[in-house]
Amino acid sequence: DEDEHGNVKSGSTVWSAVKTILIADLVMSLDNVIAI
């Protein structure tokens, strides 16, 4: 189990970055919609 968690941890770092970028994109899109 610990090995699996280790793999998830290293992978979650990538997903965290992807999620951050996606959230930033969504926020910017919302800002553009509100601005219009």
PDB file of N, CA and C in Angstrom:
ATOM      1  N   ASP A   1       0.841  -1.203   0.000  1.00  0.00           N
ATOM      2  CA  ASP A   1       0.000   0.000   0.000  1.00  0.00           C
ATOM      3  C   ASP A   1       0.877   1.254   0.000  1.00  0.00           C
ATOM      4  N   GLU A   2       1.944   1.216   0.798  1.00  0.00           N
ATOM      5  CA  GLU A   2       2.788   2.408   0.878  1.00  0.00           C
ATOM      6  C   GLU A   2       3.390   2.731  -0.488  1.00  0.00           C
ATOM      7  N   ASP A   3       3.790   1.680  -1.227  1.00  0.00           N
ATOM      8  CA  ASP A   3       4.366   1.911  -2.550  1.00  0.00           C
ATOM      9  C   ASP A   3       3.335   2.578  -3.458  1.00  0.00           C
ATOM     10  N   GLU A   4       2.097   2.111  -3.381  1.00  0.00           N
ATOM     11  CA  GLU A   4       1.045   2.686  -4.223  1.00  0.00           C
ATOM     12  C   GLU A   4       0.840   4.154  -3.871  1.00  0.00           C
ATOM     13  N   HIS A   5       0.831   4.450  -2.577  1.00  0.00           N
ATOM     14  CA  HIS A   5       0.640   5.843  -2.167  1.00  0.00           C
ATOM     15  C   HIS A   5       1.797   6.697  -2.695  1.00  0.00           C
ATOM     16  N   GLY A   6       3.009   6.125  -2.703  1.00  0.00           N
ATOM     17  CA  GLY A   6       4.166   6.865  -3.202  1.00  0.00           C
ATOM     18  C   GLY A   6       3.972   7.218  -4.668  1.00  0.00           C
ATOM     19  N   ASN A   7       3.456   6.257  -5.448  1.00  0.00           N
ATOM     20  CA  ASN A   7       3.220   6.518  -6.867  1.00  0.00           C
ATOM     21  C   ASN A   7       2.153   7.592  -7.045  1.00  0.00           C
ATOM     22  N   VAL A   8       1.103   7.494  -6.252  1.00  0.00           N
ATOM     23  CA  VAL A   8       0.023   8.476  -6.348  1.00  0.00           C
ATOM     24  C   VAL A   8       0.549   9.858  -5.987  1.00  0.00           C
ATOM     25  N   LYS A   9       1.432   9.902  -4.980  1.00  0.00           N
ATOM     26  CA  LYS A   9       1.963  11.189  -4.524  1.00  0.00           C
ATOM     27  C   LYS A   9       2.731  11.878  -5.652  1.00  0.00           C
ATOM     28  N   SER A  10       3.611  11.125  -6.332  1.00  0.00           N
ATOM     29  CA  SER A  10       4.400  11.712  -7.412  1.00  0.00           C
ATOM     30  C   SER A  10       3.486  12.112  -8.569  1.00  0.00           C
ATOM     31  N   GLY A  11       2.446  11.321  -8.798  1.00  0.00           N
ATOM     32  CA  GLY A  11       1.524  11.631  -9.886  1.00  0.00           C
ATOM     33  C   GLY A  11       0.620  12.790  -9.523  1.00  0.00           C
ATOM     34  N   SER A  12       0.261  12.894  -8.240  1.00  0.00           N
ATOM     35  CA  SER A  12      -0.646  13.961  -7.812  1.00  0.00           C
ATOM     36  C   SER A  12       0.009  15.324  -8.009  1.00  0.00           C
ATOM     37  N   THR A  13       1.342  15.361  -7.956  1.00  0.00           N
ATOM     38  CA  THR A  13       2.031  16.638  -8.161  1.00  0.00           C
ATOM     39  C   THR A  13       1.720  17.157  -9.559  1.00  0.00           C
ATOM     40  N   VAL A  14       1.765  16.253 -10.535  1.00  0.00           N
ATOM     41  CA  VAL A  14       1.462  16.632 -11.918  1.00  0.00           C
ATOM     42  C   VAL A  14       0.008  17.052 -12.019  1.00  0.00           C
ATOM     43  N   TRP A  15      -0.881  16.245 -11.410  1.00  0.00           N
ATOM     44  CA  TRP A  15      -2.313  16.571 -11.472  1.00  0.00           C
ATOM     45  C   TRP A  15      -2.595  17.885 -10.767  1.00  0.00           C
ATOM     46  N   SER A  16      -1.872  18.165  -9.688  1.00  0.00           N
ATOM     47  CA  SER A  16      -2.084  19.430  -8.969  1.00  0.00           C
ATOM     48  C   SER A  16      -1.759  20.594  -9.898  1.00  0.00           C
ATOM     49  N   ALA A  17      -0.671  20.473 -10.645  1.00  0.00           N
ATOM     50  CA  ALA A  17      -0.287  21.530 -11.576  1.00  0.00           C
ATOM     51  C   ALA A  17      -1.342  21.667 -12.664  1.00  0.00           C
ATOM     52  N   VAL A  18      -1.811  20.529 -13.190  1.00  0.00           N
ATOM     53  CA  VAL A  18      -2.832  20.553 -14.243  1.00  0.00           C
ATOM     54  C   VAL A  18      -4.112  21.190 -13.711  1.00  0.00           C
ATOM     55  N   LYS A  19      -4.527  20.792 -12.516  1.00  0.00           N
ATOM     56  CA  LYS A  19      -5.751  21.350 -11.927  1.00  0.00           C
ATOM     57  C   LYS A  19      -5.598  22.852 -11.735  1.00  0.00           C
ATOM     58  N   THR A  20      -4.424  23.281 -11.256  1.00  0.00           N
ATOM     59  CA  THR A  20      -4.191  24.710 -11.035  1.00  0.00           C
ATOM     60  C   THR A  20      -4.333  25.476 -12.344  1.00  0.00           C
ATOM     61  N   ILE A  21      -3.762  24.930 -13.418  1.00  0.00           N
ATOM     62  CA  ILE A  21      -3.839  25.585 -14.732  1.00  0.00           C
ATOM     63  C   ILE A  21      -5.282  25.616 -15.216  1.00  0.00           C
ATOM     64  N   LEU A  22      -5.994  24.488 -15.064  1.00  0.00           N
ATOM     65  CA  LEU A  22      -7.390  24.430 -15.511  1.00  0.00           C
ATOM     66  C   LEU A  22      -8.237  25.419 -14.725  1.00  0.00           C
ATOM     67  N   ILE A  23      -8.036  25.483 -13.418  1.00  0.00           N
ATOM     68  CA  ILE A  23      -8.801  26.413 -12.579  1.00  0.00           C
ATOM     69  C   ILE A  23      -8.490  27.845 -13.002  1.00  0.00           C
ATOM     70  N   ALA A  24      -7.218  28.132 -13.256  1.00  0.00           N
ATOM     71  CA  ALA A  24      -6.830  29.476 -13.686  1.00  0.00           C
ATOM     72  C   ALA A  24      -7.526  29.811 -14.999  1.00  0.00           C
ATOM     73  N   ASP A  25      -7.579  28.854 -15.926  1.00  0.00           N
ATOM     74  CA  ASP A  25      -8.256  29.065 -17.209  1.00  0.00           C
ATOM     75  C   ASP A  25      -9.732  29.359 -16.982  1.00  0.00           C
ATOM     76  N   LEU A  26     -10.370  28.588 -16.098  1.00  0.00           N
ATOM     77  CA  LEU A  26     -11.794  28.790 -15.825  1.00  0.00           C
ATOM     78  C   LEU A  26     -12.021  30.168 -15.216  1.00  0.00           C
ATOM     79  N   VAL A  27     -11.176  30.559 -14.283  1.00  0.00           N
ATOM     80  CA  VAL A  27     -11.318  31.868 -13.633  1.00  0.00           C
ATOM     81  C   VAL A  27     -11.166  32.981 -14.662  1.00  0.00           C
ATOM     82  N   MET A  28     -10.159  32.862 -15.527  1.00  0.00           N
ATOM     83  CA  MET A  28      -9.950  33.882 -16.558  1.00  0.00           C
ATOM     84  C   MET A  28     -11.145  33.933 -17.494  1.00  0.00           C
ATOM     85  N   SER A  29     -11.696  32.769 -17.848  1.00  0.00           N
ATOM     86  CA  SER A  29     -12.863  32.717 -18.730  1.00  0.00           C
ATOM     87  C   SER A  29     -14.040  33.405 -18.053  1.00  0.00           C
ATOM     88  N   LEU A  30     -14.242  33.128 -16.773  1.00  0.00           N
ATOM     89  CA  LEU A  30     -15.346  33.754 -16.035  1.00  0.00           C
ATOM     90  C   LEU A  30     -15.134  35.267 -15.992  1.00  0.00           C
ATOM     91  N   ASP A  31     -13.901  35.699 -15.743  1.00  0.00           N
ATOM     92  CA  ASP A  31     -13.613  37.133 -15.710  1.00  0.00           C
ATOM     93  C   ASP A  31     -13.965  37.770 -17.048  1.00  0.00           C
ATOM     94  N   ASN A  32     -13.609  37.111 -18.145  1.00  0.00           N
ATOM     95  CA  ASN A  32     -13.906  37.649 -19.474  1.00  0.00           C
ATOM     96  C   ASN A  32     -15.410  37.740 -19.690  1.00  0.00           C
ATOM     97  N   VAL A  33     -16.146  36.715 -19.274  1.00  0.00           N
ATOM     98  CA  VAL A  33     -17.600  36.703 -19.441  1.00  0.00           C
ATOM     99  C   VAL A  33     -18.224  37.824 -18.613  1.00  0.00           C
ATOM    100  N   ILE A  34     -17.750  37.978 -17.375  1.00  0.00           N
ATOM    101  CA  ILE A  34     -18.296  39.026 -16.494  1.00  0.00           C
ATOM    102  C   ILE A  34     -17.960  40.401 -17.064  1.00  0.00           C
ATOM    103  N   ALA A  35     -16.749  40.552 -17.585  1.00  0.00           N
ATOM    104  CA  ALA A  35     -16.318  41.837 -18.143  1.00  0.00           C
ATOM    105  C   ALA A  35     -17.217  42.218 -19.309  1.00  0.00           C
ATOM    106  N   ILE A  36     -17.614  41.201 -20.099  1.00  0.00           N
ATOM    107  CA  ILE A  36     -18.466  41.478 -21.250  1.00  0.00           C
ATOM    108  C   ILE A  36     -19.890  41.666 -20.741  1.00  0.00           C
TER     109      ILE A  36
END
